[in-house]
Amino acid sequence: MNEGEGEMARRKMSYNIEGVTRRTPRHDPGLVVFFGLVILLLLGVILSPIPGKLRRKLGLSDSRPLEGKETVVRVPETKIVYQDRVVEKKVDVPPPYYQVAKGTDVAKTSKGFDYKHTVEERPGRLASGEREKDGAYEASLVFSVNRPEAAKRIDELTAMNPALEEILPDLPVMVEAAVISPFYKGLYDNKKERLKQYANRFDRVLTKHNYYDCQTMLEMEHPQSKRKVFLMQADMDVVSDGSDGDRLPEMPEEIVNSAYYQPFTSYGWPKTGTVENPMIAGWKKRLEKARERGDADEVKRLETGIADLKRRSFLIAEYDPFIVIPIDILGDRQSAWGPNVGDYVAVIYAEKIYPAIVGDGGPTFKVGEASLRLAKEINSRAGPYSRPVSDVSVTYLVFPRSSAEVWKEPDYESWRLETAKLIEEIGGLGEGYQLHQWKDLLPQKEESE
């Protein structure tokens, strides 16, 4: 070995690890061919559609389209939600139908219904056909209600107010010969129609409370005087309508501008003063907006209302004691016992008797509404959204055809005296009982005094 060859040998050995002899590798031709085939197979799989299918199967596909390739449709994201350790699969796809809020229990509705449900199964055909067929997957809603019978005995009336016999000593005699009024059947017929009309609208259907708001309606007559009396036993809700520029020239802005406050009552009289009804300002604003919208029907309604507010005055629920009777009953001109607007009324609750008049007409499917003034006298907590009496323990004695011939500004003392005369015609009040005396609470009345 010459000097040059020896130097090259030393350089090669310098890369070897000390104590380890370098082995010369051997190449097996069979292994080379095998690994070559494996590589070719893997490349074929990668370039085939199989990886895309696997990614979609695993929920890993990308929704972004590849350049020059067909757009990949995104598969709905699947989530696993743990609820009380029960694994539930949820697919986040907005359904084309009404969604109930999460956690809603339809068995607990605000309407007071007792909700019962069952599941029935019938044999069907292939799923592909059943999913497209009407009636294959459905739910039925059936309102099953008990129509109440009317109270017709004195013990049934006194069960709601034990003081009735003491307040009206001749009441048992009149009740004994009384007839259940056809208006009672009409009321519950109207309630049924209301349920049918809004069976699919839980926000409009009657609550259980409002369905059972009337204990009875009786047509009575005193055996000696022949004075007719329409007796109704019901609950009491609150009405807060009415306006009168002569007696109350200013009203709160929220009421004046409210689209829901009704400035009218069925009982009204020709305006006597010069001060404009405060509600007109709000109605004029709505009239202007209705004209801008081109709403002809609303324009006509508002124009008619403004003209009426300029000509007449009305009761004010916050100050005047009156009750509300269903409008269809008020419109009846056949029954001798049918209450009319302006008729005098004795409202009995517990051991108190309040004189009032029939002042307004209300919905045909509910009873037991009274003005805010009367409601607050019975229960100081009463308000537009808080009824004074929830049970059916209020007795309304209406004296049909007793309305004054000429309607005019309320005179509470006159109302009390007229009601007292009518009560005398049915035997009078029991010993120790007397009619409530209303005070005039209108602001300008206090100032003038």
Protein backbone atom coordinates (compact mmCIF):
# COMPACT_ATOMS: atom_id res chain seq x y z
CA MET A 1 0.00 0.00 0.00
CA ASN A 2 1.45 3.32 -0.93
CA GLU A 3 1.25 6.43 1.21
CA GLY A 4 -1.84 7.82 -0.56
CA GLU A 5 -3.89 4.65 -0.17
CA GLY A 6 -3.02 4.44 3.52
CA GLU A 7 -4.33 7.96 4.16
CA MET A 8 -7.68 7.18 2.51
CA ALA A 9 -8.05 4.03 4.59
CA ARG A 10 -7.51 6.02 7.80
CA ARG A 11 -10.23 8.56 6.83
CA LYS A 12 -12.81 5.81 6.26
CA MET A 13 -12.04 4.14 9.58
CA SER A 14 -12.44 7.45 11.45
CA TYR A 15 -16.29 7.24 10.93
CA ASN A 16 -16.52 3.78 12.50
CA ILE A 17 -17.48 3.35 16.14
CA GLU A 18 -14.61 1.97 18.14
CA GLY A 19 -14.99 -1.76 18.90
CA VAL A 20 -17.66 -2.37 16.19
CA THR A 21 -16.70 -4.03 12.92
CA ARG A 22 -18.44 -2.47 9.85
CA ARG A 23 -20.65 -4.96 7.99
CA THR A 24 -21.14 -4.88 4.28
CA PRO A 25 -25.02 -4.78 3.57
CA ARG A 26 -26.60 -7.49 1.50
CA HIS A 27 -29.61 -6.64 -0.86
CA ASP A 28 -32.34 -9.33 -1.20
CA PRO A 29 -34.05 -8.90 -4.63
CA GLY A 30 -37.36 -10.37 -3.29
CA LEU A 31 -37.72 -7.76 -0.54
CA VAL A 32 -37.11 -4.92 -2.97
CA VAL A 33 -39.92 -6.13 -5.21
CA PHE A 34 -42.32 -6.59 -2.22
CA PHE A 35 -41.80 -3.08 -0.83
CA GLY A 36 -42.15 -1.61 -4.28
CA LEU A 37 -45.56 -3.24 -4.70
CA VAL A 38 -46.69 -1.96 -1.24
CA ILE A 39 -45.70 1.60 -2.14
CA LEU A 40 -47.56 1.41 -5.43
CA LEU A 41 -50.66 0.05 -3.65
CA LEU A 42 -50.63 2.86 -1.06
CA LEU A 43 -50.33 5.49 -3.77
CA GLY A 44 -53.31 3.97 -5.56
CA VAL A 45 -55.45 4.10 -2.42
CA ILE A 46 -54.48 7.70 -1.63
CA LEU A 47 -55.37 8.88 -5.11
CA SER A 48 -58.69 6.98 -5.16
CA PRO A 49 -62.14 8.21 -3.70
CA ILE A 50 -61.75 5.93 -0.70
CA PRO A 51 -60.02 8.48 1.62
CA GLY A 52 -62.82 11.02 1.01
CA LYS A 53 -65.43 8.45 1.91
CA LEU A 54 -63.55 7.59 5.08
CA ARG A 55 -63.27 11.27 6.06
CA ARG A 56 -67.03 11.80 5.56
CA LYS A 57 -67.75 8.64 7.50
CA LEU A 58 -65.71 9.99 10.39
CA GLY A 59 -67.20 13.48 10.10
CA LEU A 60 -63.88 14.98 8.97
CA SER A 61 -64.77 16.11 5.44
CA ASP A 62 -64.03 19.67 4.48
CA SER A 63 -66.84 21.78 2.97
CA ARG A 64 -64.39 23.83 0.90
CA PRO A 65 -64.51 22.92 -2.83
CA LEU A 66 -61.30 21.65 -4.41
CA GLU A 67 -60.11 23.51 -7.47
CA GLY A 68 -61.19 21.65 -10.56
CA LYS A 69 -63.07 19.07 -8.49
CA GLU A 70 -66.75 18.57 -7.62
CA THR A 71 -67.86 20.48 -4.47
CA VAL A 72 -68.02 18.24 -1.41
CA VAL A 73 -71.37 18.53 0.46
CA ARG A 74 -70.86 19.15 4.15
CA VAL A 75 -72.26 16.44 6.38
CA PRO A 76 -74.23 17.80 9.43
CA GLU A 77 -72.05 18.03 12.48
CA THR A 78 -72.76 15.32 14.99
CA LYS A 79 -72.48 16.12 18.68
CA ILE A 80 -72.65 13.86 21.68
CA VAL A 81 -74.70 15.43 24.47
CA TYR A 82 -74.60 13.93 27.93
CA GLN A 83 -77.88 14.21 29.78
CA ASP A 84 -78.11 12.40 33.10
CA ARG A 85 -75.40 10.03 31.87
CA VAL A 86 -77.53 8.96 28.92
CA VAL A 87 -75.70 9.46 25.64
CA GLU A 88 -77.92 11.16 23.05
CA LYS A 89 -76.91 11.81 19.49
CA LYS A 90 -78.03 15.20 18.12
CA VAL A 91 -77.64 16.34 14.51
CA ASP A 92 -77.47 20.12 14.12
CA VAL A 93 -79.79 20.56 11.15
CA PRO A 94 -82.48 23.30 11.51
CA PRO A 95 -85.81 21.50 10.95
CA PRO A 96 -88.46 23.01 8.65
CA TYR A 97 -91.05 22.98 11.43
CA TYR A 98 -91.92 24.73 14.69
CA GLN A 99 -89.35 24.13 17.40
CA VAL A 100 -90.37 23.98 21.06
CA ALA A 101 -87.99 25.80 23.37
CA LYS A 102 -85.43 23.54 24.98
CA GLY A 103 -86.66 22.06 28.24
CA THR A 104 -90.33 22.87 27.58
CA ASP A 105 -92.75 20.54 29.37
CA VAL A 106 -96.04 20.74 27.49
CA ALA A 107 -97.73 18.99 30.41
CA LYS A 108 -97.32 22.19 32.41
CA THR A 109 -99.14 24.87 30.44
CA SER A 110 -100.09 28.27 31.81
CA LYS A 111 -103.67 27.59 30.76
CA GLY A 112 -104.26 25.08 33.53
CA PHE A 113 -104.87 22.00 31.38
CA ASP A 114 -104.21 18.52 32.74
CA TYR A 115 -102.13 17.11 29.88
CA LYS A 116 -102.27 13.36 29.28
CA HIS A 117 -100.51 11.49 26.51
CA THR A 118 -100.14 7.97 25.13
CA VAL A 119 -98.16 6.45 22.27
CA GLU A 120 -99.89 4.14 19.79
CA GLU A 121 -98.08 2.11 17.17
CA ARG A 122 -99.51 0.60 13.97
CA PRO A 123 -97.83 -1.73 11.46
CA GLY A 124 -96.54 0.14 8.43
CA ARG A 125 -94.62 -0.38 5.21
CA LEU A 126 -91.09 0.56 4.21
CA ALA A 127 -89.57 3.56 5.96
CA SER A 128 -88.85 5.25 2.61
CA GLY A 129 -92.59 5.33 1.92
CA GLU A 130 -93.87 6.00 5.44
CA ARG A 131 -91.71 9.09 5.87
CA GLU A 132 -93.47 10.72 2.90
CA LYS A 133 -97.02 9.69 3.87
CA ASP A 134 -99.42 11.99 5.72
CA GLY A 135 -100.67 10.51 8.97
CA ALA A 136 -97.84 8.04 9.35
CA TYR A 137 -96.31 10.05 12.19
CA GLU A 138 -98.75 12.39 13.89
CA ALA A 139 -100.06 13.68 17.20
CA SER A 140 -103.66 14.58 18.03
CA LEU A 141 -104.71 17.31 20.45
CA VAL A 142 -108.13 16.83 22.05
CA PHE A 143 -109.61 19.32 24.50
CA SER A 144 -111.77 17.34 26.91
CA VAL A 145 -113.70 19.67 29.23
CA ASN A 146 -116.50 19.20 31.72
CA ARG A 147 -119.33 21.66 31.16
CA PRO A 148 -120.43 22.81 34.63
CA GLU A 149 -124.04 22.68 35.70
CA ALA A 150 -125.58 25.89 37.02
CA ALA A 151 -126.18 26.34 40.75
CA LYS A 152 -129.94 26.50 41.32
CA ARG A 153 -130.49 25.91 45.04
CA ILE A 154 -130.03 28.38 47.88
CA ASP A 155 -127.50 26.10 49.60
CA GLU A 156 -125.39 26.09 46.44
CA LEU A 157 -125.39 29.89 46.40
CA THR A 158 -124.65 30.27 50.09
CA ALA A 159 -121.81 27.77 49.80
CA MET A 160 -119.93 30.56 48.02
CA ASN A 161 -121.15 33.30 50.37
CA PRO A 162 -122.78 32.21 53.66
CA ALA A 163 -123.99 35.78 54.35
CA LEU A 164 -126.37 35.89 51.37
CA GLU A 165 -129.47 34.76 53.30
CA GLU A 166 -128.87 37.37 56.00
CA ILE A 167 -128.21 40.14 53.48
CA LEU A 168 -131.32 39.30 51.41
CA PRO A 169 -133.92 37.58 53.65
CA ASP A 170 -136.31 36.94 50.71
CA LEU A 171 -133.65 35.41 48.50
CA PRO A 172 -134.51 31.76 49.39
CA VAL A 173 -138.12 32.28 48.31
CA MET A 174 -137.09 33.77 44.98
CA VAL A 175 -134.43 31.12 44.33
CA GLU A 176 -136.94 28.34 44.96
CA ALA A 177 -139.01 29.48 41.97
CA ALA A 178 -136.05 30.65 39.89
CA VAL A 179 -135.20 29.38 36.42
CA ILE A 180 -131.70 28.82 35.08
CA SER A 181 -131.26 31.52 32.47
CA PRO A 182 -130.77 30.50 28.82
CA PHE A 183 -127.92 33.01 28.89
CA TYR A 184 -125.97 30.50 31.00
CA LYS A 185 -126.13 27.87 28.27
CA GLY A 186 -125.28 30.53 25.71
CA LEU A 187 -122.20 31.54 27.72
CA TYR A 188 -120.81 28.00 27.76
CA ASP A 189 -121.72 27.48 24.11
CA ASN A 190 -119.58 30.53 23.36
CA LYS A 191 -116.75 29.16 25.48
CA LYS A 192 -116.85 25.90 23.53
CA GLU A 193 -116.73 27.77 20.22
CA ARG A 194 -113.78 29.76 21.50
CA LEU A 195 -111.93 26.55 22.31
CA LYS A 196 -112.67 25.15 18.86
CA GLN A 197 -111.55 28.34 17.15
CA TYR A 198 -108.21 28.55 18.94
CA ALA A 199 -107.50 24.89 19.72
CA ASN A 200 -104.14 25.25 17.98
CA ARG A 201 -103.27 28.54 19.67
CA PHE A 202 -102.35 28.10 23.32
CA ASP A 203 -101.82 31.84 23.59
CA ARG A 204 -105.46 32.52 22.69
CA VAL A 205 -107.35 29.59 24.16
CA LEU A 206 -109.24 30.14 27.42
CA THR A 207 -107.47 29.40 30.67
CA LYS A 208 -109.04 26.96 33.09
CA HIS A 209 -109.81 29.91 35.35
CA ASN A 210 -111.68 31.82 32.65
CA TYR A 211 -113.54 28.75 31.47
CA TYR A 212 -114.99 28.15 34.93
CA ASP A 213 -115.71 31.80 35.75
CA CYS A 214 -119.47 31.51 36.26
CA GLN A 215 -121.34 29.55 38.95
CA THR A 216 -124.84 30.35 37.76
CA MET A 217 -127.26 32.70 36.05
CA LEU A 218 -130.79 32.72 37.47
CA GLU A 219 -133.98 34.48 36.40
CA MET A 220 -135.96 35.35 39.52
CA GLU A 221 -139.09 37.26 40.42
CA HIS A 222 -140.28 38.46 43.82
CA PRO A 223 -143.64 36.80 44.64
CA GLN A 224 -145.30 40.02 45.92
CA SER A 225 -143.79 42.90 43.96
CA LYS A 226 -143.17 40.88 40.78
CA ARG A 227 -139.88 42.70 40.48
CA LYS A 228 -137.63 40.73 38.15
CA VAL A 229 -133.99 40.06 39.05
CA PHE A 230 -131.17 38.59 37.01
CA LEU A 231 -128.75 36.89 39.45
CA MET A 232 -125.25 35.95 38.38
CA GLN A 233 -122.62 34.39 40.63
CA ALA A 234 -119.09 34.60 39.25
CA ASP A 235 -115.55 35.77 39.87
CA MET A 236 -114.35 39.35 39.31
CA ASP A 237 -111.81 40.56 36.77
CA VAL A 238 -110.84 44.18 36.15
CA VAL A 239 -111.66 46.51 33.29
CA SER A 240 -109.87 49.87 33.02
CA ASP A 241 -111.55 51.62 30.06
CA GLY A 242 -113.29 54.94 29.57
CA SER A 243 -112.60 58.68 29.38
CA ASP A 244 -114.36 62.01 29.89
CA GLY A 245 -112.78 65.39 29.10
CA ASP A 246 -115.45 67.21 31.15
CA ARG A 247 -114.59 65.41 34.39
CA LEU A 248 -110.99 64.36 33.74
CA PRO A 249 -109.29 66.72 31.26
CA GLU A 250 -105.82 65.18 31.73
CA MET A 251 -104.73 61.56 31.62
CA PRO A 252 -101.24 59.97 31.85
CA GLU A 253 -99.21 60.03 28.64
CA GLU A 254 -98.81 56.26 28.62
CA ILE A 255 -102.60 55.90 28.51
CA VAL A 256 -103.15 58.68 25.96
CA ASN A 257 -100.60 57.12 23.60
CA SER A 258 -101.62 53.51 24.25
CA ALA A 259 -103.07 51.59 21.32
CA TYR A 260 -104.77 49.20 23.74
CA TYR A 261 -106.60 51.51 26.12
CA GLN A 262 -110.26 51.88 25.11
CA PRO A 263 -111.56 55.42 25.78
CA PHE A 264 -115.19 54.38 25.26
CA THR A 265 -117.79 52.57 27.37
CA SER A 266 -121.22 51.41 26.27
CA TYR A 267 -122.74 53.88 28.74
CA GLY A 268 -122.21 57.42 27.48
CA TRP A 269 -123.96 60.80 27.34
CA PRO A 270 -123.75 64.04 25.33
CA LYS A 271 -120.68 66.11 26.16
CA THR A 272 -121.51 69.25 28.17
CA GLY A 273 -118.13 70.96 28.63
CA THR A 274 -115.65 72.60 26.25
CA VAL A 275 -112.46 70.77 27.28
CA GLU A 276 -111.45 68.24 24.64
CA ASN A 277 -111.23 64.60 25.62
CA PRO A 278 -107.53 63.97 26.45
CA MET A 279 -107.54 60.69 24.48
CA ILE A 280 -108.10 62.54 21.18
CA ALA A 281 -104.43 63.59 21.02
CA GLY A 282 -103.23 59.99 20.95
CA TRP A 283 -105.88 58.95 18.44
CA LYS A 284 -104.88 61.77 16.09
CA LYS A 285 -101.26 60.56 16.12
CA ARG A 286 -102.36 57.04 15.18
CA LEU A 287 -104.66 58.46 12.51
CA GLU A 288 -101.74 60.28 10.88
CA LYS A 289 -99.67 57.09 10.82
CA ALA A 290 -102.60 55.09 9.40
CA ARG A 291 -102.93 57.61 6.57
CA GLU A 292 -99.21 57.34 5.82
CA ARG A 293 -99.55 53.55 5.60
CA GLY A 294 -102.62 53.84 3.42
CA ASP A 295 -104.66 51.69 5.82
CA ALA A 296 -108.19 52.75 4.81
CA ASP A 297 -110.00 50.57 7.37
CA GLU A 298 -107.91 51.87 10.26
CA VAL A 299 -108.34 55.47 9.06
CA LYS A 300 -112.11 55.06 9.05
CA ARG A 301 -112.11 53.47 12.52
CA LEU A 302 -109.97 56.23 14.02
CA GLU A 303 -111.92 59.03 12.37
CA THR A 304 -115.22 57.61 13.68
CA GLY A 305 -113.74 57.23 17.16
CA ILE A 306 -112.41 60.79 17.27
CA ALA A 307 -115.80 62.14 16.19
CA ASP A 308 -117.45 60.15 19.01
CA LEU A 309 -114.92 61.42 21.57
CA LYS A 310 -115.76 64.99 20.55
CA ARG A 311 -119.51 64.47 20.92
CA ARG A 312 -119.86 62.30 24.00
CA SER A 313 -118.50 61.57 27.46
CA PHE A 314 -118.02 58.11 28.97
CA LEU A 315 -117.56 56.35 32.27
CA ILE A 316 -114.03 56.20 33.68
CA ALA A 317 -113.20 52.80 35.16
CA GLU A 318 -110.72 54.23 37.63
CA TYR A 319 -113.38 56.45 39.23
CA ASP A 320 -116.85 55.08 38.37
CA PRO A 321 -118.37 51.85 39.82
CA PHE A 322 -119.83 49.71 37.05
CA ILE A 323 -119.87 46.13 35.81
CA VAL A 324 -119.47 44.54 32.36
CA ILE A 325 -121.97 42.13 30.79
CA PRO A 326 -121.29 40.04 27.63
CA ILE A 327 -122.27 42.03 24.57
CA ASP A 328 -124.57 39.34 23.21
CA ILE A 329 -126.62 39.38 26.42
CA LEU A 330 -126.84 43.17 26.32
CA GLY A 331 -128.10 42.97 22.76
CA ASP A 332 -130.94 40.59 23.57
CA ARG A 333 -134.33 42.30 23.36
CA GLN A 334 -136.51 39.21 23.78
CA SER A 335 -135.85 38.17 27.37
CA ALA A 336 -137.55 40.17 30.13
CA TRP A 337 -134.59 39.29 32.36
CA GLY A 338 -131.86 40.39 29.95
CA PRO A 339 -129.60 43.08 31.48
CA ASN A 340 -129.28 46.31 29.49
CA VAL A 341 -126.73 49.11 29.60
CA GLY A 342 -127.58 51.53 32.39
CA ASP A 343 -129.49 49.02 34.52
CA TYR A 344 -128.88 49.30 38.26
CA VAL A 345 -126.89 46.57 40.00
CA ALA A 346 -126.22 45.43 43.57
CA VAL A 347 -122.83 43.73 43.77
CA ILE A 348 -122.50 41.53 46.86
CA TYR A 349 -119.18 40.24 48.14
CA ALA A 350 -118.70 38.82 51.63
CA GLU A 351 -120.93 41.04 53.81
CA LYS A 352 -120.77 44.19 51.67
CA ILE A 353 -123.27 45.48 49.08
CA TYR A 354 -122.07 47.90 46.41
CA PRO A 355 -124.47 49.89 44.19
CA ALA A 356 -123.40 50.19 40.55
CA ILE A 357 -124.74 50.15 37.00
CA VAL A 358 -124.22 48.01 33.91
CA GLY A 359 -121.69 50.24 32.19
CA ASP A 360 -120.10 48.30 29.36
CA GLY A 361 -120.28 45.27 27.11
CA GLY A 362 -117.57 42.63 27.07
CA PRO A 363 -116.56 39.38 25.33
CA THR A 364 -119.27 36.78 24.78
CA PHE A 365 -117.19 33.99 26.33
CA LYS A 366 -116.47 35.38 29.80
CA VAL A 367 -118.25 37.12 32.67
CA GLY A 368 -117.43 38.76 35.97
CA GLU A 369 -115.71 41.99 34.91
CA ALA A 370 -115.98 45.17 36.95
CA SER A 371 -114.46 48.64 36.84
CA LEU A 372 -111.14 49.31 38.54
CA ARG A 373 -112.92 51.55 41.09
CA LEU A 374 -115.27 48.76 42.18
CA ALA A 375 -112.50 46.15 42.12
CA LYS A 376 -110.16 48.19 44.33
CA GLU A 377 -112.96 48.85 46.83
CA ILE A 378 -113.37 45.09 47.22
CA ASN A 379 -109.63 44.36 47.20
CA SER A 380 -107.05 47.14 47.50
CA ARG A 381 -104.49 45.01 45.64
CA ALA A 382 -106.63 44.85 42.51
CA GLY A 383 -105.24 46.34 39.31
CA PRO A 384 -105.50 46.08 35.53
CA TYR A 385 -103.49 42.84 35.69
CA SER A 386 -104.57 41.64 39.14
CA ARG A 387 -108.12 40.42 39.76
CA PRO A 388 -109.74 41.24 43.10
CA VAL A 389 -111.65 37.95 43.49
CA SER A 390 -110.48 34.66 41.96
CA ASP A 391 -113.21 32.32 43.17
CA VAL A 392 -116.83 32.44 41.97
CA SER A 393 -118.12 34.07 45.16
CA VAL A 394 -119.29 37.47 43.85
CA THR A 395 -123.07 37.82 43.47
CA TYR A 396 -124.33 40.29 40.88
CA LEU A 397 -128.00 41.30 41.19
CA VAL A 398 -129.08 43.12 38.03
CA PHE A 399 -132.51 44.79 37.90
CA PRO A 400 -133.57 44.48 34.23
CA ARG A 401 -135.18 47.49 32.51
CA SER A 402 -134.35 49.76 35.46
CA SER A 403 -132.02 52.09 33.53
CA ALA A 404 -132.72 55.81 33.72
CA GLU A 405 -134.48 57.14 30.63
CA VAL A 406 -131.83 59.80 30.10
CA TRP A 407 -128.16 58.91 30.58
CA LYS A 408 -126.01 61.60 32.11
CA GLU A 409 -122.89 62.25 34.15
CA PRO A 410 -122.61 59.73 37.04
CA ASP A 411 -124.31 60.74 40.27
CA TYR A 412 -123.20 58.16 42.83
CA GLU A 413 -125.74 59.15 45.46
CA SER A 414 -128.55 58.93 42.94
CA TRP A 415 -127.31 55.48 41.91
CA ARG A 416 -127.33 54.37 45.55
CA LEU A 417 -130.85 55.62 46.21
CA GLU A 418 -132.24 53.99 43.06
CA THR A 419 -130.57 50.69 43.89
CA ALA A 420 -131.93 50.87 47.46
CA LYS A 421 -135.49 51.29 46.13
CA LEU A 422 -135.12 48.27 43.86
CA ILE A 423 -133.77 46.13 46.71
CA GLU A 424 -136.80 47.11 48.81
CA GLU A 425 -138.98 45.67 46.07
CA ILE A 426 -137.40 42.24 46.61
CA GLY A 427 -137.76 42.24 50.40
CA GLY A 428 -135.06 44.73 51.42
CA LEU A 429 -131.75 44.24 53.17
CA GLY A 430 -131.39 42.25 56.37
CA GLU A 431 -130.95 43.94 59.72
CA GLY A 432 -127.60 45.68 60.08
CA TYR A 433 -126.79 45.76 56.34
CA GLN A 434 -126.66 48.85 54.16
CA LEU A 435 -125.49 49.91 50.74
CA HIS A 436 -121.98 51.24 50.30
CA GLN A 437 -121.69 55.01 49.77
CA TRP A 438 -119.34 56.04 46.99
CA LYS A 439 -117.22 59.16 47.24
CA ASP A 440 -116.32 61.26 44.21
CA LEU A 441 -112.55 60.96 43.78
CA LEU A 442 -112.13 62.96 40.58
CA PRO A 443 -109.29 65.53 40.94
CA GLN A 444 -111.14 68.60 39.72
CA LYS A 445 -114.04 67.84 42.03
CA GLU A 446 -111.71 67.94 45.00
CA GLU A 447 -110.20 71.26 43.87
CA SER A 448 -113.61 72.88 43.38
CA GLU A 449 -114.65 71.85 46.87
